[in-house]
Amino acid sequence: MYQSLTFLHSLFRWLVLISLIYAVFRAAKGYFNRATFSKADNLTRHWTATIAHIQLFIGITFYFHSPVIRYFLNNFSTARKSSDMLFFGMIHSTLMLFSIVLITIGSALAKRKPTDNGKFKTMLVWYAIALIVIFIVIPWPFSPFANRPYFR
C-alpha cells in the first residue's frame, strides 16, 4: 500500500500543479481582459479545488502510512533535529494543508462573487498564493529543504 500511495501522491502533484497553473492563467486572462466568467471558467475553478482535495486525501493517508512520519512522531525530540525529518513531519504537511485551505476558500469566495471580474480576481489571488506556497514546499530534486525525484 505504501508504494501505491507514494506513486499516487507523486502523480497527483503534477495534476495539482497543472490545474492550478491553468486556473491562475485563466483567472488572470479573464480579469485583465474583463471577460465573462464562463462555464469553462467555473469548471476550471471547481476541478482545480477537487483535484487539490483528492491530493489532500492521498497525502493524509500517505502521511499516516509513512515509516518516516512514524519515526518522526515516535522520536520527535531526536527527529526534529534532522532537516529532512522536520520538513516531511511538519513543514510539508502543514503548508500543503494551508495551501488546500487557500484553494478551498478561493474557490468558495469566487463562486459567490456577484460580478465576473470579482470572480476572476478572487480566483487569481487565492489560487496564485496557494500555487506559490506549493512550489516552495514541494520536495523538488533541487530543493534545499528536502529533495525527492520528480516521479517516485
C-alpha atoms as a PDB file:
ATOM      1  CA  MET A   1       0.000   0.000   0.000  1.00  0.00           C
ATOM      2  CA  TYR A   2       2.829   2.392   0.858  1.00  0.00           C
ATOM      3  CA  GLN A   3       4.362   2.097  -2.634  1.00  0.00           C
ATOM      4  CA  SER A   4       0.976   2.731  -4.259  1.00  0.00           C
ATOM      5  CA  LEU A   5       0.422   5.808  -2.101  1.00  0.00           C
ATOM      6  CA  THR A   6       3.902   7.057  -2.967  1.00  0.00           C
ATOM      7  CA  PHE A   7       3.150   6.740  -6.671  1.00  0.00           C
ATOM      8  CA  LEU A   8      -0.326   8.314  -6.407  1.00  0.00           C
ATOM      9  CA  HIS A   9       0.914  11.214  -4.316  1.00  0.00           C
ATOM     10  CA  SER A  10       3.724  11.861  -6.794  1.00  0.00           C
ATOM     11  CA  LEU A  11       1.372  11.614  -9.779  1.00  0.00           C
ATOM     12  CA  PHE A  12      -1.281  13.884  -8.297  1.00  0.00           C
ATOM     13  CA  ARG A  13       1.378  16.502  -7.526  1.00  0.00           C
ATOM     14  CA  TRP A  14       1.580  17.126 -11.257  1.00  0.00           C
ATOM     15  CA  LEU A  15      -2.187  17.229 -11.671  1.00  0.00           C
ATOM     16  CA  VAL A  16      -2.462  19.794  -8.870  1.00  0.00           C
ATOM     17  CA  LEU A  17       0.295  21.928 -10.394  1.00  0.00           C
ATOM     18  CA  ILE A  18      -1.099  21.760 -13.926  1.00  0.00           C
ATOM     19  CA  SER A  19      -4.641  22.541 -12.814  1.00  0.00           C
ATOM     20  CA  LEU A  20      -3.510  25.415 -10.574  1.00  0.00           C
ATOM     21  CA  ILE A  21      -1.288  26.952 -13.235  1.00  0.00           C
ATOM     22  CA  TYR A  22      -4.114  26.661 -15.759  1.00  0.00           C
ATOM     23  CA  ALA A  23      -6.643  28.148 -13.312  1.00  0.00           C
ATOM     24  CA  VAL A  24      -4.328  31.067 -12.468  1.00  0.00           C
ATOM     25  CA  PHE A  25      -3.740  31.666 -16.190  1.00  0.00           C
ATOM     26  CA  ARG A  26      -7.478  31.641 -16.966  1.00  0.00           C
ATOM     27  CA  ALA A  27      -8.222  33.879 -13.987  1.00  0.00           C
ATOM     28  CA  ALA A  28      -5.524  36.396 -14.961  1.00  0.00           C
ATOM     29  CA  LYS A  29      -6.626  36.408 -18.589  1.00  0.00           C
ATOM     30  CA  GLY A  30     -10.273  36.840 -17.614  1.00  0.00           C
ATOM     31  CA  TYR A  31      -9.534  39.531 -15.033  1.00  0.00           C
ATOM     32  CA  PHE A  32      -7.285  41.671 -17.212  1.00  0.00           C
ATOM     33  CA  ASN A  33      -9.481  41.281 -20.315  1.00  0.00           C
ATOM     34  CA  ARG A  34     -12.648  41.897 -18.294  1.00  0.00           C
ATOM     35  CA  ALA A  35     -14.108  38.724 -19.776  1.00  0.00           C
ATOM     36  CA  THR A  36     -17.319  36.960 -18.890  1.00  0.00           C
ATOM     37  CA  PHE A  37     -16.893  34.210 -16.296  1.00  0.00           C
ATOM     38  CA  SER A  38     -17.907  31.290 -18.480  1.00  0.00           C
ATOM     39  CA  LYS A  39     -18.991  27.754 -17.687  1.00  0.00           C
ATOM     40  CA  ALA A  40     -15.448  26.616 -18.609  1.00  0.00           C
ATOM     41  CA  ASP A  41     -14.003  29.070 -16.064  1.00  0.00           C
ATOM     42  CA  ASN A  42     -16.361  27.749 -13.413  1.00  0.00           C
ATOM     43  CA  LEU A  43     -15.408  24.155 -14.245  1.00  0.00           C
ATOM     44  CA  THR A  44     -11.729  25.096 -14.017  1.00  0.00           C
ATOM     45  CA  ARG A  45     -12.337  26.627 -10.590  1.00  0.00           C
ATOM     46  CA  HIS A  46     -14.281  23.594  -9.423  1.00  0.00           C
ATOM     47  CA  TRP A  47     -11.962  20.882 -10.788  1.00  0.00           C
ATOM     48  CA  THR A  48      -8.844  22.621  -9.525  1.00  0.00           C
ATOM     49  CA  ALA A  49     -10.261  22.547  -5.998  1.00  0.00           C
ATOM     50  CA  THR A  50     -11.444  18.956  -6.441  1.00  0.00           C
ATOM     51  CA  ILE A  51      -8.031  17.741  -7.632  1.00  0.00           C
ATOM     52  CA  ALA A  52      -6.413  19.545  -4.694  1.00  0.00           C
ATOM     53  CA  HIS A  53      -8.815  17.821  -2.284  1.00  0.00           C
ATOM     54  CA  ILE A  54      -8.061  14.414  -3.780  1.00  0.00           C
ATOM     55  CA  GLN A  55      -4.349  15.128  -3.308  1.00  0.00           C
ATOM     56  CA  LEU A  56      -5.044  16.139   0.291  1.00  0.00           C
ATOM     57  CA  PHE A  57      -6.822  12.844   0.941  1.00  0.00           C
ATOM     58  CA  ILE A  58      -3.962  10.878  -0.648  1.00  0.00           C
ATOM     59  CA  GLY A  59      -1.433  12.966   1.299  1.00  0.00           C
ATOM     60  CA  ILE A  60      -3.112  12.427   4.667  1.00  0.00           C
ATOM     61  CA  THR A  61      -3.353   8.685   4.028  1.00  0.00           C
ATOM     62  CA  PHE A  62       0.278   8.651   2.878  1.00  0.00           C
ATOM     63  CA  TYR A  63       1.315  10.636   5.961  1.00  0.00           C
ATOM     64  CA  PHE A  64      -0.054   8.070   8.389  1.00  0.00           C
ATOM     65  CA  HIS A  65       1.373   5.090   6.471  1.00  0.00           C
ATOM     66  CA  SER A  66       4.857   6.552   6.051  1.00  0.00           C
ATOM     67  CA  PRO A  67       7.688   4.971   8.049  1.00  0.00           C
ATOM     68  CA  VAL A  68       9.444   8.353   8.017  1.00  0.00           C
ATOM     69  CA  ILE A  69       6.476  10.008   9.720  1.00  0.00           C
ATOM     70  CA  ARG A  70       6.044   7.116  12.129  1.00  0.00           C
ATOM     71  CA  TYR A  71       9.676   7.559  13.188  1.00  0.00           C
ATOM     72  CA  PHE A  72       9.215  11.335  13.392  1.00  0.00           C
ATOM     73  CA  LEU A  73       6.168  11.068  15.637  1.00  0.00           C
ATOM     74  CA  ASN A  74       7.655   8.379  17.886  1.00  0.00           C
ATOM     75  CA  ASN A  75      11.066  10.085  18.245  1.00  0.00           C
ATOM     76  CA  PHE A  76      10.129  13.740  17.976  1.00  0.00           C
ATOM     77  CA  SER A  77      12.964  15.230  20.064  1.00  0.00           C
ATOM     78  CA  THR A  78      15.608  13.421  18.009  1.00  0.00           C
ATOM     79  CA  ALA A  79      13.859  13.540  14.627  1.00  0.00           C
ATOM     80  CA  ARG A  80      13.174  17.279  14.685  1.00  0.00           C
ATOM     81  CA  LYS A  81      16.919  17.910  14.555  1.00  0.00           C
ATOM     82  CA  SER A  82      17.057  16.343  11.097  1.00  0.00           C
ATOM     83  CA  SER A  83      16.002  18.865   8.456  1.00  0.00           C
ATOM     84  CA  ASP A  84      14.651  16.098   6.205  1.00  0.00           C
ATOM     85  CA  MET A  85      12.542  14.630   9.015  1.00  0.00           C
ATOM     86  CA  LEU A  86      11.334  18.040  10.177  1.00  0.00           C
ATOM     87  CA  PHE A  87      10.429  19.002   6.620  1.00  0.00           C
ATOM     88  CA  PHE A  88       8.255  15.942   5.997  1.00  0.00           C
ATOM     89  CA  GLY A  89       6.983  15.597   9.564  1.00  0.00           C
ATOM     90  CA  MET A  90       5.785  19.177   9.971  1.00  0.00           C
ATOM     91  CA  ILE A  91       6.653  21.765   7.344  1.00  0.00           C
ATOM     92  CA  HIS A  92       5.497  19.993   4.173  1.00  0.00           C
ATOM     93  CA  SER A  93       2.273  18.672   5.653  1.00  0.00           C
ATOM     94  CA  THR A  94       1.325  21.905   7.434  1.00  0.00           C
ATOM     95  CA  LEU A  95       1.986  24.211   4.494  1.00  0.00           C
ATOM     96  CA  MET A  96       0.323  21.885   1.994  1.00  0.00           C
ATOM     97  CA  LEU A  97      -2.760  21.746   4.202  1.00  0.00           C
ATOM     98  CA  PHE A  98      -2.628  25.555   4.364  1.00  0.00           C
ATOM     99  CA  SER A  99      -2.466  25.683   0.547  1.00  0.00           C
ATOM    100  CA  ILE A 100      -5.513  23.443   0.200  1.00  0.00           C
ATOM    101  CA  VAL A 101      -7.354  25.708   2.629  1.00  0.00           C
ATOM    102  CA  LEU A 102      -6.413  28.708   0.448  1.00  0.00           C
ATOM    103  CA  ILE A 103      -7.682  26.926  -2.659  1.00  0.00           C
ATOM    104  CA  THR A 104     -10.910  25.945  -0.912  1.00  0.00           C
ATOM    105  CA  ILE A 105     -11.563  29.461   0.365  1.00  0.00           C
ATOM    106  CA  GLY A 106     -10.683  30.975  -3.009  1.00  0.00           C
ATOM    107  CA  SER A 107     -12.998  28.594  -4.813  1.00  0.00           C
ATOM    108  CA  ALA A 108     -15.891  29.217  -2.420  1.00  0.00           C
ATOM    109  CA  LEU A 109     -15.460  33.002  -2.485  1.00  0.00           C
ATOM    110  CA  ALA A 110     -15.130  33.132  -6.292  1.00  0.00           C
ATOM    111  CA  LYS A 111     -18.266  31.049  -6.690  1.00  0.00           C
ATOM    112  CA  ARG A 112     -20.259  33.548  -4.616  1.00  0.00           C
ATOM    113  CA  LYS A 113     -18.968  36.799  -6.128  1.00  0.00           C
ATOM    114  CA  PRO A 114     -21.719  38.711  -7.937  1.00  0.00           C
ATOM    115  CA  THR A 115     -19.533  40.063 -10.764  1.00  0.00           C
ATOM    116  CA  ASP A 116     -17.471  38.219 -13.337  1.00  0.00           C
ATOM    117  CA  ASN A 117     -14.427  40.407 -12.689  1.00  0.00           C
ATOM    118  CA  GLY A 118     -14.766  39.759  -8.955  1.00  0.00           C
ATOM    119  CA  LYS A 119     -14.828  36.001  -9.595  1.00  0.00           C
ATOM    120  CA  PHE A 120     -11.686  36.189 -11.716  1.00  0.00           C
ATOM    121  CA  LYS A 121      -9.868  38.424  -9.239  1.00  0.00           C
ATOM    122  CA  THR A 122     -10.737  36.241  -6.252  1.00  0.00           C
ATOM    123  CA  MET A 123      -9.684  33.084  -8.048  1.00  0.00           C
ATOM    124  CA  LEU A 124      -6.479  34.730  -9.253  1.00  0.00           C
ATOM    125  CA  VAL A 125      -5.376  35.983  -5.834  1.00  0.00           C
ATOM    126  CA  TRP A 126      -6.220  32.904  -3.747  1.00  0.00           C
ATOM    127  CA  TYR A 127      -5.042  30.326  -6.268  1.00  0.00           C
ATOM    128  CA  ALA A 128      -1.824  32.222  -7.031  1.00  0.00           C
ATOM    129  CA  ILE A 129      -0.888  32.444  -3.339  1.00  0.00           C
ATOM    130  CA  ALA A 130      -1.611  28.719  -2.936  1.00  0.00           C
ATOM    131  CA  LEU A 131       0.496  27.952  -6.020  1.00  0.00           C
ATOM    132  CA  ILE A 132       3.462  29.908  -4.650  1.00  0.00           C
ATOM    133  CA  VAL A 133       3.286  28.102  -1.300  1.00  0.00           C
ATOM    134  CA  ILE A 134       3.004  24.739  -3.054  1.00  0.00           C
ATOM    135  CA  PHE A 135       6.010  25.479  -5.274  1.00  0.00           C
ATOM    136  CA  ILE A 136       8.074  26.306  -2.196  1.00  0.00           C
ATOM    137  CA  VAL A 137       7.112  23.171  -0.228  1.00  0.00           C
ATOM    138  CA  ILE A 138       7.280  20.508  -2.912  1.00  0.00           C
ATOM    139  CA  PRO A 139      10.395  18.389  -2.293  1.00  0.00           C
ATOM    140  CA  TRP A 140      11.930  19.094  -5.708  1.00  0.00           C
ATOM    141  CA  PRO A 141      15.178  17.307  -6.623  1.00  0.00           C
ATOM    142  CA  PHE A 142      16.934  20.692  -6.285  1.00  0.00           C
ATOM    143  CA  SER A 143      15.202  21.769  -3.047  1.00  0.00           C
ATOM    144  CA  PRO A 144      17.482  22.896  -0.194  1.00  0.00           C
ATOM    145  CA  PHE A 145      14.929  21.684   2.396  1.00  0.00           C
ATOM    146  CA  ALA A 146      14.388  18.068   1.343  1.00  0.00           C
ATOM    147  CA  ASN A 147      14.526  16.505  -2.071  1.00  0.00           C
ATOM    148  CA  ARG A 148      12.854  13.689  -3.915  1.00  0.00           C
ATOM    149  CA  PRO A 149      12.853  12.712  -7.608  1.00  0.00           C
ATOM    150  CA  TYR A 150      10.269  14.169  -9.988  1.00  0.00           C
ATOM    151  CA  PHE A 151       8.442  10.819 -10.094  1.00  0.00           C
ATOM    152  CA  ARG A 152       8.506   8.062  -7.477  1.00  0.00           C
END
